[in-house]
Amino acid sequence: MILYDKPECPFCWKVRLALHESGYAAELIDSQDLEHRSHWQALTPKKTVPVLVTDGGDVIYESNVILEYLAETGNALLPATPGARIQARLLNSYSDTVVGPALREIIFEKRDRPRDAWDMDRIKAGELAFEEALDYLAAQLGQSDYFATEYSFPECALTARFGLAEAYGAPIPDRYGNLQRWFKRMKQRPSYRATEPSWKAT
């Protein structure tokens, strides 16, 4: 397999986590490398990464479709019961559509900018939206070890989001103790150490 990748992209990171947890090895190619850019962009109408080329030559250019493919063909990334699978998929979507946009306000404002150029109102708005998202996630997790009975899609998605949040100065606040404990467990897994970006964050 070949994964056209961008280290700090949360969609790419969740795919790297899923690959590792599924027992797959993939060659990672930096999408920003000019030598490869025209090739991978020709594989996807979206012109975005991740793009996975399977060992059978199939091209998958949507991160959630990649996760579904890995769940179907590798070690389980989805729980056994239909209800738990629904929960896993819904929380994966929540990570993409609610958690991600909140953190984007923080990360995009801080990335590659000196501190004195930051728009603090934008950052504060992102922090508030992130904490609102954490209210929901904390209730969904409760005292469980995983969001959907076992390691599955939301673990891949939210581990990447929380890793980026922490790197850019937006760690999980102390009042979300269950989420802090969950994230600590995720960081202790071999998949985290194997897939974590080499941080350039502020």
N, C-alpha and C. Protein backbone atom coordinates (compact mmCIF):
# COMPACT_ATOMS: atom_id res chain seq x y z
N MET A 1 0.83 -1.20 0.00
CA MET A 1 0.00 0.00 0.00
C MET A 1 0.87 1.25 0.00
N ILE A 2 0.31 2.30 -0.56
CA ILE A 2 0.97 3.60 -0.56
C ILE A 2 -0.04 4.61 -0.02
N LEU A 3 0.40 5.43 0.93
CA LEU A 3 -0.43 6.50 1.46
C LEU A 3 0.23 7.83 1.14
N TYR A 4 -0.46 8.64 0.33
CA TYR A 4 -0.02 10.02 0.11
C TYR A 4 -0.54 10.83 1.30
N ASP A 5 0.38 11.44 2.01
CA ASP A 5 0.16 11.82 3.39
C ASP A 5 0.64 13.25 3.63
N LYS A 6 0.09 13.86 4.67
CA LYS A 6 0.59 15.14 5.18
C LYS A 6 0.63 14.99 6.70
N PRO A 7 1.79 15.05 7.32
CA PRO A 7 1.91 14.63 8.72
C PRO A 7 0.93 15.26 9.69
N GLU A 8 0.71 16.59 9.59
CA GLU A 8 -0.17 17.26 10.56
C GLU A 8 -1.64 17.27 10.15
N CYS A 9 -1.97 16.77 8.99
CA CYS A 9 -3.37 16.70 8.58
C CYS A 9 -4.11 15.70 9.46
N PRO A 10 -5.18 16.12 10.16
CA PRO A 10 -5.88 15.18 11.04
C PRO A 10 -6.54 14.02 10.30
N PHE A 11 -6.96 14.25 9.07
CA PHE A 11 -7.55 13.17 8.28
C PHE A 11 -6.48 12.14 7.91
N CYS A 12 -5.28 12.62 7.59
CA CYS A 12 -4.18 11.70 7.31
C CYS A 12 -3.76 10.96 8.56
N TRP A 13 -3.69 11.69 9.68
CA TRP A 13 -3.23 11.05 10.92
C TRP A 13 -4.20 9.95 11.34
N LYS A 14 -5.50 10.20 11.21
CA LYS A 14 -6.42 9.15 11.62
C LYS A 14 -6.30 7.93 10.71
N VAL A 15 -5.97 8.14 9.45
CA VAL A 15 -5.74 7.00 8.54
C VAL A 15 -4.47 6.27 8.93
N ARG A 16 -3.41 7.00 9.28
CA ARG A 16 -2.18 6.33 9.73
C ARG A 16 -2.45 5.49 10.97
N LEU A 17 -3.22 6.03 11.91
CA LEU A 17 -3.59 5.26 13.09
C LEU A 17 -4.37 4.01 12.72
N ALA A 18 -5.33 4.17 11.82
CA ALA A 18 -6.15 3.03 11.40
C ALA A 18 -5.32 1.97 10.70
N LEU A 19 -4.40 2.39 9.86
CA LEU A 19 -3.51 1.43 9.20
C LEU A 19 -2.72 0.64 10.23
N HIS A 20 -2.15 1.34 11.19
CA HIS A 20 -1.33 0.67 12.20
C HIS A 20 -2.18 -0.28 13.04
N GLU A 21 -3.34 0.19 13.47
CA GLU A 21 -4.21 -0.64 14.31
C GLU A 21 -4.79 -1.82 13.54
N SER A 22 -4.88 -1.69 12.22
CA SER A 22 -5.40 -2.78 11.39
C SER A 22 -4.33 -3.79 11.00
N GLY A 23 -3.09 -3.49 11.33
CA GLY A 23 -2.02 -4.41 11.01
C GLY A 23 -1.46 -4.26 9.61
N TYR A 24 -1.73 -3.12 8.97
CA TYR A 24 -1.24 -2.89 7.61
C TYR A 24 0.04 -2.05 7.64
N ALA A 25 0.92 -2.34 6.73
CA ALA A 25 2.08 -1.49 6.49
C ALA A 25 1.83 -0.74 5.19
N ALA A 26 2.16 0.54 5.19
CA ALA A 26 2.00 1.34 3.98
C ALA A 26 3.21 2.23 3.82
N GLU A 27 3.62 2.42 2.59
CA GLU A 27 4.66 3.39 2.30
C GLU A 27 4.05 4.79 2.38
N LEU A 28 4.63 5.64 3.20
CA LEU A 28 4.13 7.01 3.35
C LEU A 28 4.90 7.93 2.43
N ILE A 29 4.18 8.66 1.61
CA ILE A 29 4.79 9.62 0.70
C ILE A 29 4.25 11.01 1.04
N ASP A 30 5.16 11.93 1.31
CA ASP A 30 4.77 13.29 1.67
C ASP A 30 4.12 13.97 0.48
N SER A 31 2.89 14.38 0.66
CA SER A 31 2.14 14.99 -0.44
C SER A 31 2.72 16.33 -0.86
N GLN A 32 3.52 16.95 0.02
CA GLN A 32 4.10 18.25 -0.30
C GLN A 32 5.36 18.15 -1.14
N ASP A 33 5.86 16.94 -1.30
CA ASP A 33 7.06 16.72 -2.10
C ASP A 33 6.73 16.99 -3.57
N LEU A 34 7.40 17.95 -4.17
CA LEU A 34 7.09 18.35 -5.55
C LEU A 34 7.25 17.20 -6.53
N GLU A 35 8.12 16.27 -6.20
CA GLU A 35 8.35 15.13 -7.08
C GLU A 35 7.10 14.26 -7.22
N HIS A 36 6.26 14.25 -6.18
CA HIS A 36 5.09 13.36 -6.16
C HIS A 36 3.76 14.09 -6.32
N ARG A 37 3.75 15.42 -6.22
CA ARG A 37 2.49 16.14 -6.14
C ARG A 37 1.61 15.92 -7.37
N SER A 38 2.16 16.04 -8.55
CA SER A 38 1.33 15.91 -9.75
C SER A 38 0.76 14.50 -9.87
N HIS A 39 1.51 13.51 -9.39
CA HIS A 39 1.04 12.12 -9.48
C HIS A 39 -0.17 11.90 -8.58
N TRP A 40 -0.06 12.26 -7.29
CA TRP A 40 -1.18 11.96 -6.41
C TRP A 40 -2.39 12.84 -6.71
N GLN A 41 -2.15 14.08 -7.16
CA GLN A 41 -3.29 14.94 -7.49
C GLN A 41 -4.07 14.41 -8.68
N ALA A 42 -3.39 13.68 -9.55
CA ALA A 42 -4.09 13.07 -10.69
C ALA A 42 -4.98 11.91 -10.27
N LEU A 43 -4.77 11.41 -9.04
CA LEU A 43 -5.54 10.27 -8.56
C LEU A 43 -6.85 10.66 -7.90
N THR A 44 -7.02 11.95 -7.58
CA THR A 44 -8.19 12.36 -6.82
C THR A 44 -8.79 13.64 -7.39
N PRO A 45 -10.09 13.69 -7.60
CA PRO A 45 -10.73 14.92 -8.06
C PRO A 45 -10.73 16.01 -7.00
N LYS A 46 -10.52 15.62 -5.73
CA LYS A 46 -10.56 16.60 -4.64
C LYS A 46 -9.23 17.34 -4.48
N LYS A 47 -8.15 16.77 -5.01
CA LYS A 47 -6.81 17.37 -4.90
C LYS A 47 -6.41 17.57 -3.44
N THR A 48 -6.85 16.64 -2.58
CA THR A 48 -6.49 16.68 -1.17
C THR A 48 -6.02 15.30 -0.74
N VAL A 49 -5.30 15.27 0.36
CA VAL A 49 -4.89 14.02 0.97
C VAL A 49 -5.73 13.79 2.23
N PRO A 50 -5.80 12.53 2.67
CA PRO A 50 -5.03 11.36 2.27
C PRO A 50 -5.55 10.72 0.98
N VAL A 51 -4.63 10.05 0.30
CA VAL A 51 -4.96 9.19 -0.83
C VAL A 51 -4.26 7.86 -0.57
N LEU A 52 -5.04 6.80 -0.54
CA LEU A 52 -4.48 5.46 -0.33
C LEU A 52 -4.57 4.68 -1.63
N VAL A 53 -3.45 4.10 -2.03
CA VAL A 53 -3.42 3.16 -3.14
C VAL A 53 -3.23 1.78 -2.53
N THR A 54 -4.21 0.92 -2.69
CA THR A 54 -4.15 -0.40 -2.06
C THR A 54 -3.17 -1.29 -2.80
N ASP A 55 -2.86 -2.42 -2.17
CA ASP A 55 -1.93 -3.35 -2.83
C ASP A 55 -2.55 -3.98 -4.06
N GLY A 56 -3.86 -3.84 -4.23
CA GLY A 56 -4.52 -4.31 -5.44
C GLY A 56 -4.66 -3.22 -6.50
N GLY A 57 -4.16 -2.02 -6.20
CA GLY A 57 -4.20 -0.93 -7.16
C GLY A 57 -5.42 -0.04 -7.06
N ASP A 58 -6.33 -0.31 -6.12
CA ASP A 58 -7.49 0.57 -5.94
C ASP A 58 -7.05 1.88 -5.31
N VAL A 59 -7.69 2.96 -5.70
CA VAL A 59 -7.37 4.29 -5.17
C VAL A 59 -8.55 4.77 -4.33
N ILE A 60 -8.25 5.16 -3.08
CA ILE A 60 -9.28 5.67 -2.17
C ILE A 60 -8.83 7.04 -1.71
N TYR A 61 -9.64 8.07 -1.97
CA TYR A 61 -9.21 9.44 -1.67
C TYR A 61 -10.07 10.13 -0.63
N GLU A 62 -10.87 9.40 0.10
CA GLU A 62 -11.70 9.97 1.17
C GLU A 62 -11.34 9.23 2.46
N SER A 63 -10.98 9.96 3.50
CA SER A 63 -10.46 9.32 4.71
C SER A 63 -11.44 8.34 5.33
N ASN A 64 -12.73 8.68 5.35
CA ASN A 64 -13.68 7.77 5.98
C ASN A 64 -13.93 6.52 5.13
N VAL A 65 -13.81 6.64 3.83
CA VAL A 65 -13.91 5.44 2.98
C VAL A 65 -12.68 4.56 3.19
N ILE A 66 -11.52 5.19 3.41
CA ILE A 66 -10.32 4.41 3.73
C ILE A 66 -10.54 3.63 5.02
N LEU A 67 -11.10 4.28 6.04
CA LEU A 67 -11.36 3.57 7.29
C LEU A 67 -12.31 2.41 7.09
N GLU A 68 -13.35 2.62 6.30
CA GLU A 68 -14.29 1.53 6.03
C GLU A 68 -13.58 0.37 5.31
N TYR A 69 -12.73 0.70 4.35
CA TYR A 69 -11.98 -0.34 3.63
C TYR A 69 -11.10 -1.13 4.60
N LEU A 70 -10.41 -0.43 5.48
CA LEU A 70 -9.53 -1.11 6.42
C LEU A 70 -10.32 -1.97 7.40
N ALA A 71 -11.50 -1.49 7.80
CA ALA A 71 -12.35 -2.28 8.70
C ALA A 71 -12.84 -3.55 8.02
N GLU A 72 -13.09 -3.47 6.73
CA GLU A 72 -13.58 -4.64 5.98
C GLU A 72 -12.48 -5.66 5.69
N THR A 73 -11.25 -5.19 5.54
CA THR A 73 -10.20 -6.08 5.04
C THR A 73 -9.13 -6.42 6.07
N GLY A 74 -9.03 -5.67 7.16
CA GLY A 74 -7.97 -5.91 8.13
C GLY A 74 -8.54 -6.32 9.47
N ASN A 75 -7.75 -6.10 10.53
CA ASN A 75 -8.25 -6.33 11.88
C ASN A 75 -9.37 -5.35 12.17
N ALA A 76 -10.29 -5.76 13.02
CA ALA A 76 -11.51 -4.99 13.24
C ALA A 76 -11.23 -3.57 13.69
N LEU A 77 -11.87 -2.60 13.03
CA LEU A 77 -11.88 -1.21 13.46
C LEU A 77 -13.30 -0.77 13.80
N LEU A 78 -14.21 -1.71 13.75
CA LEU A 78 -15.60 -1.45 14.10
C LEU A 78 -16.08 -2.52 15.08
N PRO A 79 -16.94 -2.14 16.03
CA PRO A 79 -17.46 -3.13 16.98
C PRO A 79 -18.33 -4.18 16.29
N ALA A 80 -18.67 -5.21 17.04
CA ALA A 80 -19.39 -6.34 16.47
C ALA A 80 -20.87 -6.07 16.27
N THR A 81 -21.48 -5.27 17.15
CA THR A 81 -22.93 -5.11 17.10
C THR A 81 -23.32 -3.91 16.25
N PRO A 82 -24.49 -3.99 15.59
CA PRO A 82 -24.93 -2.86 14.75
C PRO A 82 -25.03 -1.55 15.52
N GLY A 83 -25.57 -1.58 16.74
CA GLY A 83 -25.72 -0.35 17.50
C GLY A 83 -24.38 0.31 17.81
N ALA A 84 -23.41 -0.50 18.20
CA ALA A 84 -22.09 0.05 18.50
C ALA A 84 -21.41 0.56 17.23
N ARG A 85 -21.67 -0.08 16.10
CA ARG A 85 -21.10 0.40 14.84
C ARG A 85 -21.69 1.76 14.46
N ILE A 86 -22.99 1.93 14.71
CA ILE A 86 -23.62 3.23 14.47
C ILE A 86 -22.94 4.29 15.33
N GLN A 87 -22.75 4.00 16.60
CA GLN A 87 -22.12 4.96 17.50
C GLN A 87 -20.72 5.32 17.03
N ALA A 88 -19.96 4.32 16.61
CA ALA A 88 -18.59 4.57 16.13
C ALA A 88 -18.60 5.49 14.92
N ARG A 89 -19.49 5.23 13.99
CA ARG A 89 -19.54 6.04 12.77
C ARG A 89 -20.02 7.46 13.06
N LEU A 90 -21.00 7.60 13.95
CA LEU A 90 -21.51 8.92 14.28
C LEU A 90 -20.44 9.77 14.97
N LEU A 91 -19.68 9.18 15.87
CA LEU A 91 -18.66 9.94 16.57
C LEU A 91 -17.48 10.27 15.66
N ASN A 92 -17.20 9.41 14.71
CA ASN A 92 -16.19 9.72 13.70
C ASN A 92 -16.64 10.94 12.89
N SER A 93 -17.90 10.97 12.52
CA SER A 93 -18.44 12.11 11.79
C SER A 93 -18.43 13.37 12.66
N TYR A 94 -18.75 13.22 13.94
CA TYR A 94 -18.74 14.36 14.87
C TYR A 94 -17.33 14.95 14.96
N SER A 95 -16.34 14.10 14.99
CA SER A 95 -14.96 14.57 15.01
C SER A 95 -14.66 15.42 13.79
N ASP A 96 -15.10 14.97 12.62
CA ASP A 96 -14.83 15.69 11.37
C ASP A 96 -15.60 17.00 11.27
N THR A 97 -16.86 16.99 11.70
CA THR A 97 -17.75 18.11 11.39
C THR A 97 -17.94 19.11 12.53
N VAL A 98 -17.60 18.71 13.76
CA VAL A 98 -17.77 19.61 14.90
C VAL A 98 -16.43 19.90 15.59
N VAL A 99 -15.72 18.86 15.98
CA VAL A 99 -14.44 19.05 16.66
C VAL A 99 -13.43 19.70 15.72
N GLY A 100 -13.35 19.18 14.51
CA GLY A 100 -12.38 19.69 13.55
C GLY A 100 -12.53 21.17 13.24
N PRO A 101 -13.72 21.65 12.90
CA PRO A 101 -13.88 23.09 12.62
C PRO A 101 -13.54 23.98 13.82
N ALA A 102 -13.85 23.53 15.03
CA ALA A 102 -13.50 24.31 16.21
C ALA A 102 -11.98 24.44 16.34
N LEU A 103 -11.29 23.34 16.21
CA LEU A 103 -9.83 23.37 16.35
C LEU A 103 -9.16 24.09 15.19
N ARG A 104 -9.78 24.08 14.03
CA ARG A 104 -9.20 24.76 12.88
C ARG A 104 -9.01 26.25 13.17
N GLU A 105 -9.94 26.84 13.92
CA GLU A 105 -9.82 28.26 14.27
C GLU A 105 -8.56 28.52 15.09
N ILE A 106 -8.23 27.60 15.97
CA ILE A 106 -7.03 27.75 16.80
C ILE A 106 -5.78 27.47 15.99
N ILE A 107 -5.78 26.34 15.32
CA ILE A 107 -4.56 25.87 14.65
C ILE A 107 -4.19 26.77 13.48
N PHE A 108 -5.17 27.12 12.65
CA PHE A 108 -4.86 27.93 11.48
C PHE A 108 -4.38 29.33 11.88
N GLU A 109 -4.88 29.83 13.02
CA GLU A 109 -4.44 31.14 13.46
C GLU A 109 -3.01 31.11 14.01
N LYS A 110 -2.66 30.01 14.66
CA LYS A 110 -1.33 29.93 15.29
C LYS A 110 -0.25 29.40 14.35
N ARG A 111 -0.64 28.58 13.40
CA ARG A 111 0.36 27.89 12.57
C ARG A 111 1.19 28.90 11.76
N ASP A 112 2.49 28.79 11.91
CA ASP A 112 3.44 29.59 11.13
C ASP A 112 3.29 31.09 11.32
N ARG A 113 2.74 31.51 12.46
CA ARG A 113 2.62 32.94 12.75
C ARG A 113 3.27 33.25 14.08
N PRO A 114 3.91 34.40 14.20
CA PRO A 114 4.43 34.80 15.51
C PRO A 114 3.28 35.11 16.46
N ARG A 115 3.52 34.92 17.74
CA ARG A 115 2.47 35.09 18.74
C ARG A 115 1.84 36.49 18.68
N ASP A 116 2.64 37.50 18.42
CA ASP A 116 2.09 38.86 18.44
C ASP A 116 1.20 39.15 17.23
N ALA A 117 1.12 38.21 16.28
CA ALA A 117 0.25 38.38 15.12
C ALA A 117 -1.05 37.57 15.24
N TRP A 118 -1.21 36.84 16.33
CA TRP A 118 -2.40 36.01 16.48
C TRP A 118 -3.65 36.86 16.70
N ASP A 119 -4.75 36.42 16.10
CA ASP A 119 -6.06 37.01 16.35
C ASP A 119 -6.65 36.29 17.56
N MET A 120 -6.55 36.90 18.72
CA MET A 120 -6.96 36.22 19.95
C MET A 120 -8.46 35.98 20.01
N ASP A 121 -9.25 36.83 19.35
CA ASP A 121 -10.69 36.61 19.31
C ASP A 121 -11.01 35.32 18.55
N ARG A 122 -10.32 35.11 17.45
CA ARG A 122 -10.53 33.88 16.67
C ARG A 122 -10.12 32.66 17.49
N ILE A 123 -9.00 32.76 18.17
CA ILE A 123 -8.53 31.65 18.99
C ILE A 123 -9.51 31.36 20.13
N LYS A 124 -9.98 32.40 20.79
CA LYS A 124 -10.93 32.22 21.89
C LYS A 124 -12.22 31.57 21.39
N ALA A 125 -12.70 31.99 20.23
CA ALA A 125 -13.92 31.39 19.67
C ALA A 125 -13.70 29.91 19.41
N GLY A 126 -12.53 29.56 18.89
CA GLY A 126 -12.21 28.16 18.66
C GLY A 126 -12.14 27.37 19.94
N GLU A 127 -11.54 27.96 20.98
CA GLU A 127 -11.45 27.27 22.27
C GLU A 127 -12.83 27.02 22.87
N LEU A 128 -13.71 28.00 22.76
CA LEU A 128 -15.07 27.83 23.29
C LEU A 128 -15.83 26.75 22.53
N ALA A 129 -15.69 26.74 21.21
CA ALA A 129 -16.37 25.73 20.41
C ALA A 129 -15.80 24.33 20.70
N PHE A 130 -14.49 24.26 20.90
CA PHE A 130 -13.85 22.99 21.24
C PHE A 130 -14.38 22.46 22.57
N GLU A 131 -14.49 23.33 23.55
CA GLU A 131 -14.98 22.88 24.85
C GLU A 131 -16.45 22.48 24.79
N GLU A 132 -17.24 23.14 23.96
CA GLU A 132 -18.62 22.71 23.78
C GLU A 132 -18.67 21.31 23.18
N ALA A 133 -17.77 21.05 22.24
CA ALA A 133 -17.71 19.71 21.66
C ALA A 133 -17.28 18.68 22.71
N LEU A 134 -16.39 19.08 23.60
CA LEU A 134 -15.93 18.17 24.65
C LEU A 134 -17.05 17.83 25.62
N ASP A 135 -17.97 18.75 25.86
CA ASP A 135 -19.13 18.45 26.72
C ASP A 135 -19.85 17.21 26.18
N TYR A 136 -20.11 17.22 24.90
CA TYR A 136 -20.83 16.11 24.28
C TYR A 136 -20.00 14.83 24.32
N LEU A 137 -18.72 14.94 23.99
CA LEU A 137 -17.87 13.75 23.95
C LEU A 137 -17.70 13.13 25.33
N ALA A 138 -17.57 13.97 26.35
CA ALA A 138 -17.43 13.45 27.70
C ALA A 138 -18.67 12.67 28.11
N ALA A 139 -19.85 13.16 27.73
CA ALA A 139 -21.08 12.45 28.04
C ALA A 139 -21.18 11.14 27.28
N GLN A 140 -20.70 11.13 26.03
CA GLN A 140 -20.76 9.91 25.23
C GLN A 140 -19.79 8.85 25.75
N LEU A 141 -18.62 9.27 26.22
CA LEU A 141 -17.64 8.31 26.71
C LEU A 141 -18.02 7.77 28.09
N GLY A 142 -18.50 8.64 28.97
CA GLY A 142 -18.80 8.21 30.33
C GLY A 142 -17.55 7.64 30.99
N GLN A 143 -17.69 6.49 31.61
CA GLN A 143 -16.56 5.83 32.26
C GLN A 143 -16.07 4.63 31.45
N SER A 144 -16.42 4.58 30.18
CA SER A 144 -15.99 3.48 29.33
C SER A 144 -14.55 3.66 28.89
N ASP A 145 -13.93 2.58 28.49
CA ASP A 145 -12.56 2.65 27.98
C ASP A 145 -12.51 3.19 26.56
N TYR A 146 -13.59 2.93 25.79
CA TYR A 146 -13.65 3.34 24.39
C TYR A 146 -15.01 3.98 24.11
N PHE A 147 -15.08 4.69 23.02
CA PHE A 147 -16.32 5.37 22.67
C PHE A 147 -17.40 4.42 22.17
N ALA A 148 -17.00 3.25 21.68
CA ALA A 148 -17.99 2.32 21.13
C ALA A 148 -17.61 0.87 21.43
N THR A 149 -17.44 0.56 22.67
CA THR A 149 -17.17 -0.79 23.21
C THR A 149 -15.75 -1.30 22.97
N GLU A 150 -15.08 -0.85 21.91
CA GLU A 150 -13.70 -1.27 21.65
C GLU A 150 -13.04 -0.22 20.75
N TYR A 151 -11.73 -0.35 20.55
CA TYR A 151 -11.02 0.61 19.70
C TYR A 151 -11.64 0.60 18.30
N SER A 152 -12.05 1.78 17.85
CA SER A 152 -12.73 1.84 16.55
C SER A 152 -12.55 3.23 15.94
N PHE A 153 -13.36 3.57 14.97
CA PHE A 153 -13.20 4.80 14.20
C PHE A 153 -13.02 6.05 15.07
N PRO A 154 -13.85 6.27 16.11
CA PRO A 154 -13.67 7.52 16.88
C PRO A 154 -12.33 7.59 17.60
N GLU A 155 -11.76 6.44 17.96
CA GLU A 155 -10.44 6.47 18.58
C GLU A 155 -9.41 7.01 17.59
N CYS A 156 -9.47 6.55 16.34
CA CYS A 156 -8.56 7.07 15.32
C CYS A 156 -8.77 8.57 15.11
N ALA A 157 -10.02 8.97 14.93
CA ALA A 157 -10.32 10.36 14.59
C ALA A 157 -10.02 11.31 15.73
N LEU A 158 -10.46 10.97 16.94
CA LEU A 158 -10.32 11.90 18.05
C LEU A 158 -8.91 11.91 18.62
N THR A 159 -8.20 10.80 18.53
CA THR A 159 -6.80 10.81 18.94
C THR A 159 -6.02 11.83 18.11
N ALA A 160 -6.25 11.83 16.81
CA ALA A 160 -5.57 12.80 15.94
C ALA A 160 -5.97 14.23 16.28
N ARG A 161 -7.25 14.47 16.49
CA ARG A 161 -7.71 15.83 16.81
C ARG A 161 -7.14 16.31 18.14
N PHE A 162 -7.19 15.45 19.15
CA PHE A 162 -6.69 15.86 20.46
C PHE A 162 -5.18 16.03 20.45
N GLY A 163 -4.50 15.22 19.65
CA GLY A 163 -3.05 15.38 19.53
C GLY A 163 -2.69 16.73 18.95
N LEU A 164 -3.41 17.14 17.92
CA LEU A 164 -3.18 18.45 17.32
C LEU A 164 -3.54 19.57 18.29
N ALA A 165 -4.66 19.40 18.99
CA ALA A 165 -5.08 20.42 19.95
C ALA A 165 -4.01 20.62 21.02
N GLU A 166 -3.48 19.53 21.54
CA GLU A 166 -2.45 19.62 22.57
C GLU A 166 -1.20 20.31 22.03
N ALA A 167 -0.80 19.95 20.82
CA ALA A 167 0.41 20.53 20.23
C ALA A 167 0.28 22.02 20.00
N TYR A 168 -0.95 22.50 19.77
CA TYR A 168 -1.17 23.92 19.50
C TYR A 168 -1.73 24.66 20.72
N GLY A 169 -1.48 24.13 21.90
CA GLY A 169 -1.81 24.86 23.12
C GLY A 169 -3.26 24.82 23.52
N ALA A 170 -4.00 23.79 23.12
CA ALA A 170 -5.40 23.65 23.52
C ALA A 170 -5.63 22.25 24.08
N PRO A 171 -4.98 21.93 25.20
CA PRO A 171 -5.16 20.60 25.80
C PRO A 171 -6.56 20.43 26.36
N ILE A 172 -6.93 19.21 26.65
CA ILE A 172 -8.24 18.92 27.25
C ILE A 172 -8.26 19.50 28.67
N PRO A 173 -9.22 20.38 28.98
CA PRO A 173 -9.26 20.96 30.34
C PRO A 173 -9.48 19.90 31.42
N ASP A 174 -9.04 20.22 32.63
CA ASP A 174 -9.07 19.26 33.73
C ASP A 174 -10.48 18.79 34.07
N ARG A 175 -11.48 19.61 33.80
CA ARG A 175 -12.84 19.19 34.18
C ARG A 175 -13.35 18.02 33.34
N TYR A 176 -12.66 17.72 32.26
CA TYR A 176 -13.03 16.55 31.45
C TYR A 176 -12.07 15.40 31.77
N GLY A 177 -12.13 14.96 33.02
CA GLY A 177 -11.19 13.94 33.48
C GLY A 177 -11.28 12.64 32.71
N ASN A 178 -12.49 12.24 32.33
CA ASN A 178 -12.62 10.98 31.59
C ASN A 178 -11.97 11.08 30.21
N LEU A 179 -12.09 12.26 29.57
CA LEU A 179 -11.46 12.43 28.26
C LEU A 179 -9.93 12.51 28.40
N GLN A 180 -9.46 13.14 29.46
CA GLN A 180 -8.01 13.18 29.69
C GLN A 180 -7.46 11.77 29.88
N ARG A 181 -8.15 10.95 30.66
CA ARG A 181 -7.69 9.57 30.90
C ARG A 181 -7.73 8.76 29.61
N TRP A 182 -8.79 8.97 28.83
CA TRP A 182 -8.90 8.27 27.54
C TRP A 182 -7.74 8.65 26.63
N PHE A 183 -7.46 9.94 26.53
CA PHE A 183 -6.39 10.38 25.64
C PHE A 183 -5.03 9.88 26.13
N LYS A 184 -4.83 9.85 27.42
CA LYS A 184 -3.57 9.31 27.95
C LYS A 184 -3.40 7.85 27.54
N ARG A 185 -4.50 7.09 27.60
CA ARG A 185 -4.41 5.68 27.16
C ARG A 185 -4.11 5.59 25.68
N MET A 186 -4.72 6.45 24.88
CA MET A 186 -4.47 6.40 23.45
C MET A 186 -3.01 6.73 23.13
N LYS A 187 -2.43 7.68 23.87
CA LYS A 187 -1.04 8.05 23.63
C LYS A 187 -0.06 6.96 24.05
N GLN A 188 -0.53 6.06 24.88
CA GLN A 188 0.33 4.96 25.31
C GLN A 188 0.32 3.79 24.32
N ARG A 189 -0.57 3.82 23.36
CA ARG A 189 -0.64 2.73 22.39
C ARG A 189 0.51 2.86 21.38
N PRO A 190 1.04 1.74 20.93
CA PRO A 190 2.12 1.79 19.93
C PRO A 190 1.74 2.58 18.68
N SER A 191 0.47 2.56 18.31
CA SER A 191 0.05 3.26 17.10
C SER A 191 0.27 4.76 17.20
N TYR A 192 0.12 5.32 18.40
CA TYR A 192 0.33 6.77 18.57
C TYR A 192 1.79 7.11 18.35
N ARG A 193 2.66 6.36 19.00
CA ARG A 193 4.09 6.64 18.87
C ARG A 193 4.57 6.43 17.44
N ALA A 194 3.95 5.49 16.74
CA ALA A 194 4.38 5.19 15.37
C ALA A 194 3.88 6.21 14.35
N THR A 195 2.83 6.95 14.68
CA THR A 195 2.19 7.81 13.68
C THR A 195 2.24 9.29 14.01
N GLU A 196 2.65 9.66 15.21
CA GLU A 196 2.66 11.06 15.63
C GLU A 196 3.55 11.90 14.72
N PRO A 197 3.10 13.08 14.32
CA PRO A 197 3.94 13.96 13.51
C PRO A 197 5.18 14.42 14.27
N SER A 198 6.17 14.84 13.53
CA SER A 198 7.31 15.56 14.12
C SER A 198 6.87 17.01 14.25
N TRP A 199 6.54 17.42 15.45
CA TRP A 199 5.81 18.66 15.64
C TRP A 199 6.63 19.87 15.29
N LYS A 200 5.95 20.79 14.59
CA LYS A 200 6.48 22.12 14.35
C LYS A 200 5.57 23.16 14.99
N ALA A 201 4.65 22.67 15.80
CA ALA A 201 3.62 23.55 16.36
C ALA A 201 4.22 24.53 17.37
N THR A 202 3.47 25.58 17.63
CA THR A 202 3.86 26.59 18.62
C THR A 202 3.52 26.09 20.00
